[in-house]
Each structure stands twice: as C-alpha cells, then as structure tokens.
Amino acid sequence: MTSHHSAFFLFGVFVLLFGAPLTTRGEETMANRILEIRSYNLKPGTRDRFHQLANRQAVPMLRRAKIDVVAYGPSAHDANTYFLMRSFTSLVERQQAEDSFYGSEAWIKGPRDAVLAAIETYTTLVISVDEVTLRGLRSPARPAASDLDTLMALNGDYIRSVQQGDVQRFTEILADDFLCSQADGSLLDRAAFLAATARPVTITNLAAHDINVRLMDDFAIVHARTSFTTTDGRLGSGRYTDVWARRGGNWVAVAAHVTRK
C-alpha cells in the first residue's frame, strides 16, 4: 500500500470510528477536544529503540510541557509502524504547544536527532472527539506487556536491587546458571552473586543511562552506562552488559558484565 493510499485508508477508518473531520468557526472548535493522531513509518529494525526513546524521553518531555498524550505505542499490524495520539482544546492551542515544544532546547539537544533518525515518513490526522471517546482511548483493554516493556522493567528492577541490596528480587530474576563478570575481574556464579548482594552497599545514587535493549526472539542483550556516588562523595561511572533469556515463558538474567571507573 502506498503512503498516499495508507493515509487515505487511515483517514477513512477514523472518520468511521470518531465522526467527521474537525470543523471550525474561526478559532473555535465544534467539539469538546480535538485529537491529533500521528502514524509513523519507521526504518526497518528501529521500532524497539524508538519505543524506548518514547517511553524514557519523548513522552515524559511532552507531559512535562503540559501536552496531553492520550496513547502511543507500536502498531499491531506490522513491525515498522508506530502511533502517537495527543489531545488539545483547540487548533490554536495545538499549534502553540507544538511550536513551543519542538522549538525548545530540551527537545533539540535531547532526543530529537535519535527520534528523527528512525522515521521515514509520518501522517498526521486531526479530528474532533467528545470526552467519552477520549476517555475510552485513554483506557483500552490493555494487552500483555511487550517483551521490550518487560525487559525495560526488569532492567530497572536489576539496578534497584543492586542499590538496595535486594537479595529476594535477585533470586526471582536470576537464572540458576547465572554468571557475572565483576569490575575487578572476578567471575561470580549465582550463589556468590547473591552473597555479595547481601553485603552492605557502598555506593549511592546508582542510575542507568542510555539503555539499549537488543531483542533476538527468546534472547536479549541490554547495554547501558551507570553513574553513582562513592562512600567518600566522589562521582563514579561505568558500563554494564546484561544477557537475558526467555525460559518457561519468563525472562531471566543469565549473564552480566560490569565495568567501573
């Protein structure tokens, strides 16, 4: 289907679902809210990374800018399409809000280049909706979490468990044959890693940055860098690579490698 035909088909679907396109009297809309729907055609193989950028950077930035993000995520019909829905009180407010956001230093110096690099084309529709329709779009029946969402959550659990010395959580997410290469060159098996986790934690403010999840069916590799504060107040940094495998329907960590400065 060509981009033109795809846009026309999408337009028809939303007219059927939500009613006629937006009409105006000067600057006033005929509906309680207007809804902007963007359909992104992404470069092959970039959607998982695009979703990470949306989850961790772009959508939180939009919400901090007081832009109402109604829904977003991967399309179910192919591997390269993504959608974003935003709601505004009027066409004027939409234009002002988006001009301000996309012209901001936070966006330009933040995720802008990475987001644009993944997009081949996109289509924008603006339609009128009532509040009942809008509420329905905000709270659809939720599908099971995607593998990417699950792995991002597990990565967060892993980092929190390191900082908090949470042995119990690690017993739940580490495979029986888990191995960890430590920054000092030692290799810990699962039992040794859990014993090390139980010791007093000597760093604070541990955080992960630039998280990159590489999904390969039932196998995934997570790359990220870290920042933390040492006991004497110095700032430290490092990197880690975690390897996850889907076993018995659940993702478990099978290996880790840590470096620190």
Protein backbone atom coordinates (compact mmCIF):
# COMPACT_ATOMS: atom_id res chain seq x y z
CA MET A 1 0.00 0.00 0.00
CA THR A 2 1.47 3.39 -0.96
CA SER A 3 1.89 6.18 1.58
CA HIS A 4 -0.96 8.10 -0.11
CA HIS A 5 -3.33 5.14 -0.01
CA SER A 6 -2.31 4.33 3.56
CA ALA A 7 -3.10 7.86 4.68
CA PHE A 8 -6.45 7.82 2.87
CA PHE A 9 -7.37 4.46 4.42
CA LEU A 10 -6.37 5.69 7.92
CA PHE A 11 -8.46 8.79 7.40
CA GLY A 12 -11.48 6.69 6.46
CA VAL A 13 -11.09 4.41 9.49
CA PHE A 14 -11.00 7.30 11.92
CA VAL A 15 -13.97 9.02 10.29
CA LEU A 16 -15.95 5.82 10.78
CA LEU A 17 -14.84 5.45 14.38
CA PHE A 18 -14.92 9.01 15.59
CA GLY A 19 -17.08 11.03 13.22
CA ALA A 20 -16.43 13.80 10.75
CA PRO A 21 -13.13 15.68 10.48
CA LEU A 22 -12.59 18.76 12.57
CA THR A 23 -14.63 21.79 11.57
CA THR A 24 -14.11 25.28 12.92
CA ARG A 25 -15.86 28.60 13.35
CA GLY A 26 -12.92 30.94 13.17
CA GLU A 27 -10.70 29.73 16.02
CA GLU A 28 -13.40 27.78 17.86
CA THR A 29 -13.79 24.02 17.51
CA MET A 30 -17.13 22.21 17.30
CA ALA A 31 -16.06 19.50 19.82
CA ASN A 32 -15.03 19.33 23.44
CA ARG A 33 -11.49 18.34 22.41
CA ILE A 34 -9.54 17.75 19.24
CA LEU A 35 -7.42 14.66 18.77
CA GLU A 36 -4.21 14.54 16.76
CA ILE A 37 -3.21 11.08 15.50
CA ARG A 38 0.25 10.53 14.09
CA SER A 39 1.19 7.34 12.27
CA TYR A 40 4.96 6.90 11.87
CA ASN A 41 6.54 4.68 9.23
CA LEU A 42 9.86 3.73 10.82
CA LYS A 43 13.04 2.42 9.27
CA PRO A 44 13.22 -1.38 9.48
CA GLY A 45 14.69 -2.64 12.74
CA THR A 46 14.37 0.66 14.61
CA ARG A 47 10.97 0.33 16.32
CA ASP A 48 12.19 -1.20 19.60
CA ARG A 49 14.72 1.59 20.04
CA PHE A 50 12.10 4.17 19.01
CA HIS A 51 9.73 2.80 21.67
CA GLN A 52 12.49 3.10 24.29
CA LEU A 53 13.04 6.74 23.32
CA ALA A 54 9.29 7.39 23.54
CA ASN A 55 8.97 5.68 26.94
CA ARG A 56 12.02 7.16 28.60
CA GLN A 57 12.45 10.57 26.99
CA ALA A 58 10.00 11.90 24.41
CA VAL A 59 6.66 11.17 26.11
CA PRO A 60 7.81 12.30 29.60
CA MET A 61 9.07 15.52 27.97
CA LEU A 62 5.72 16.07 26.25
CA ARG A 63 3.88 15.59 29.53
CA ARG A 64 6.23 17.95 31.38
CA ALA A 65 5.37 20.51 28.67
CA LYS A 66 1.67 20.03 29.61
CA ILE A 67 0.83 18.33 26.31
CA ASP A 68 -1.89 15.72 26.78
CA VAL A 69 -0.54 12.39 25.49
CA VAL A 70 -3.60 10.15 25.13
CA ALA A 71 -1.95 6.96 23.86
CA TYR A 72 1.15 5.78 21.99
CA GLY A 73 2.93 2.59 21.02
CA PRO A 74 3.76 0.05 18.31
CA SER A 75 1.04 -0.80 15.80
CA ALA A 76 -0.16 -4.40 15.87
CA HIS A 77 -0.35 -4.80 12.08
CA ASP A 78 3.35 -4.69 11.12
CA ALA A 79 6.84 -4.32 12.57
CA ASN A 80 7.62 -0.77 11.40
CA THR A 81 4.59 1.37 12.30
CA TYR A 82 4.14 3.43 15.47
CA PHE A 83 1.37 5.76 16.62
CA LEU A 84 1.02 8.78 18.89
CA MET A 85 -2.26 10.41 19.98
CA ARG A 86 -2.38 13.86 21.58
CA SER A 87 -5.36 15.92 22.71
CA PHE A 88 -5.79 19.73 22.66
CA THR A 89 -8.52 22.22 23.44
CA SER A 90 -8.30 23.91 20.03
CA LEU A 91 -6.30 24.14 16.82
CA VAL A 92 -4.69 27.31 18.10
CA GLU A 93 -3.58 25.63 21.34
CA ARG A 94 -2.21 22.67 19.36
CA GLN A 95 -0.13 24.91 17.12
CA GLN A 96 1.22 26.97 20.02
CA ALA A 97 2.02 23.93 22.16
CA GLU A 98 3.81 22.06 19.39
CA ASP A 99 5.73 25.12 18.19
CA SER A 100 6.92 25.69 21.74
CA PHE A 101 7.83 22.05 22.35
CA TYR A 102 9.64 21.33 19.09
CA GLY A 103 11.49 24.64 19.30
CA SER A 104 12.66 24.04 22.87
CA GLU A 105 16.29 23.49 23.78
CA ALA A 106 15.34 20.39 25.79
CA TRP A 107 13.96 18.72 22.66
CA ILE A 108 16.60 19.95 20.20
CA LYS A 109 19.53 19.00 22.45
CA GLY A 110 17.74 15.92 23.79
CA PRO A 111 16.14 13.01 21.88
CA ARG A 112 15.29 14.94 18.68
CA ASP A 113 18.08 13.60 16.46
CA ALA A 114 17.65 9.99 17.60
CA VAL A 115 13.87 10.15 17.10
CA LEU A 116 14.08 11.73 13.64
CA ALA A 117 16.76 9.27 12.54
CA ALA A 118 14.29 6.38 12.93
CA ILE A 119 11.41 7.98 10.96
CA GLU A 120 10.99 7.50 7.22
CA THR A 121 7.60 9.26 6.89
CA TYR A 122 4.63 10.12 9.05
CA THR A 123 0.97 11.05 8.56
CA THR A 124 -0.99 13.41 10.82
CA LEU A 125 -4.77 13.50 11.22
CA VAL A 126 -6.71 15.95 13.40
CA ILE A 127 -10.31 15.08 14.26
CA SER A 128 -12.99 16.14 16.73
CA VAL A 129 -13.87 13.86 19.66
CA ASP A 130 -16.12 14.04 22.67
CA GLU A 131 -14.98 13.38 26.22
CA VAL A 132 -16.46 9.87 26.31
CA THR A 133 -14.46 8.84 23.25
CA LEU A 134 -11.33 10.39 24.68
CA ARG A 135 -11.71 8.53 27.96
CA GLY A 136 -12.15 5.30 26.04
CA LEU A 137 -8.93 5.86 24.16
CA ARG A 138 -7.08 6.52 27.40
CA SER A 139 -8.15 3.25 29.00
CA PRO A 140 -8.48 0.47 26.41
CA ALA A 141 -8.23 -3.15 27.44
CA ARG A 142 -4.52 -3.47 27.95
CA PRO A 143 -2.70 -6.21 26.06
CA ALA A 144 0.07 -8.17 27.72
CA ALA A 145 3.24 -6.12 28.11
CA SER A 146 5.57 -6.32 25.13
CA ASP A 147 8.93 -8.05 25.53
CA LEU A 148 10.61 -4.65 25.34
CA ASP A 149 8.44 -3.23 28.13
CA THR A 150 9.08 -6.34 30.24
CA LEU A 151 12.85 -6.16 29.75
CA MET A 152 12.94 -2.44 30.49
CA ALA A 153 11.07 -3.10 33.74
CA LEU A 154 13.39 -5.99 34.64
CA ASN A 155 16.41 -3.81 33.93
CA GLY A 156 15.01 -1.24 36.35
CA ASP A 157 14.49 -3.97 38.95
CA TYR A 158 18.08 -5.14 38.48
CA ILE A 159 19.52 -1.66 39.06
CA ARG A 160 17.27 -1.01 42.07
CA SER A 161 18.19 -4.39 43.55
CA VAL A 162 21.90 -3.60 43.26
CA GLN A 163 21.42 -0.25 45.01
CA GLN A 164 19.14 -1.65 47.72
CA GLY A 165 20.91 -4.98 48.21
CA ASP A 166 17.64 -6.76 47.41
CA VAL A 167 18.61 -10.45 47.54
CA GLN A 168 14.98 -11.59 47.28
CA ARG A 169 14.36 -9.83 43.98
CA PHE A 170 17.56 -11.23 42.53
CA THR A 171 16.52 -14.76 43.48
CA GLU A 172 13.44 -14.18 41.31
CA ILE A 173 15.12 -12.77 38.20
CA LEU A 174 18.48 -14.60 38.04
CA ALA A 175 18.77 -17.89 36.15
CA ASP A 176 20.16 -20.88 38.01
CA ASP A 177 23.24 -20.80 35.75
CA PHE A 178 23.70 -17.01 36.05
CA LEU A 179 27.30 -15.72 35.85
CA CYS A 180 28.57 -12.19 36.49
CA SER A 181 31.94 -10.76 35.45
CA GLN A 182 32.84 -8.16 38.08
CA ALA A 183 34.72 -4.90 37.59
CA ASP A 184 37.72 -6.38 39.47
CA GLY A 185 37.94 -9.27 37.01
CA SER A 186 36.34 -11.91 39.23
CA LEU A 187 33.59 -14.23 37.99
CA LEU A 188 30.66 -14.89 40.32
CA ASP A 189 28.10 -17.64 39.97
CA ARG A 190 24.55 -17.16 41.19
CA ALA A 191 25.23 -18.15 44.80
CA ALA A 192 28.31 -15.94 45.05
CA PHE A 193 26.46 -13.02 43.45
CA LEU A 194 23.59 -13.32 45.93
CA ALA A 195 26.09 -13.45 48.81
CA ALA A 196 27.79 -10.31 47.51
CA THR A 197 24.41 -8.58 47.16
CA ALA A 198 23.66 -9.29 50.84
CA ARG A 199 26.71 -7.30 51.96
CA PRO A 200 26.34 -3.58 52.83
CA VAL A 201 26.04 -1.42 49.69
CA THR A 202 28.96 1.01 49.39
CA ILE A 203 27.61 3.31 46.67
CA THR A 204 24.62 5.63 46.45
CA ASN A 205 22.59 7.30 43.70
CA LEU A 206 23.11 4.42 41.28
CA ALA A 207 21.37 5.18 37.99
CA ALA A 208 21.34 3.69 34.50
CA HIS A 209 21.58 5.82 31.36
CA ASP A 210 21.42 5.30 27.57
CA ILE A 211 19.75 1.92 27.99
CA ASN A 212 19.77 -0.09 24.76
CA VAL A 213 17.79 -3.36 24.62
CA ARG A 214 18.61 -5.66 21.70
CA LEU A 215 15.87 -8.26 21.23
CA MET A 216 16.53 -11.51 19.35
CA ASP A 217 13.46 -13.70 19.78
CA ASP A 218 13.98 -15.52 23.13
CA PHE A 219 17.31 -13.81 23.79
CA ALA A 220 18.12 -10.19 24.65
CA ILE A 221 21.20 -8.10 25.44
CA VAL A 222 20.99 -4.90 27.49
CA HIS A 223 23.76 -2.29 27.23
CA ALA A 224 23.85 0.81 29.45
CA ARG A 225 26.13 3.15 31.31
CA THR A 226 25.90 3.94 35.01
CA SER A 227 26.54 6.80 37.38
CA PHE A 228 26.87 6.60 41.17
CA THR A 229 28.39 8.25 44.24
CA THR A 230 31.17 6.57 46.22
CA THR A 231 31.40 6.49 50.02
CA ASP A 232 33.80 9.46 50.01
CA GLY A 233 31.40 11.55 47.91
CA ARG A 234 33.16 11.20 44.55
CA LEU A 235 31.17 10.68 41.36
CA GLY A 236 31.75 7.36 39.66
CA SER A 237 30.69 5.88 36.34
CA GLY A 238 30.73 2.60 34.49
CA ARG A 239 29.02 0.38 31.98
CA TYR A 240 27.22 -2.94 32.08
CA THR A 241 26.02 -5.58 29.67
CA ASP A 242 23.27 -7.95 30.82
CA VAL A 243 22.12 -11.02 28.93
CA TRP A 244 18.52 -12.23 29.30
CA ALA A 245 16.82 -15.39 28.07
CA ARG A 246 13.17 -16.41 27.92
CA ARG A 247 12.80 -19.71 29.77
CA GLY A 248 9.47 -21.32 30.55
CA GLY A 249 7.71 -18.19 29.34
CA ASN A 250 9.63 -15.85 31.69
CA TRP A 251 12.64 -13.62 31.12
CA VAL A 252 15.61 -14.37 33.41
CA ALA A 253 19.11 -12.89 33.60
CA VAL A 254 21.73 -15.43 32.51
CA ALA A 255 24.87 -13.28 32.47
CA ALA A 256 26.20 -9.83 33.39
CA HIS A 257 29.42 -7.93 32.83
CA VAL A 258 30.25 -4.78 34.82
CA THR A 259 32.95 -2.12 34.44
CA ARG A 260 33.53 0.88 36.70
CA LYS A 261 35.84 3.86 36.78
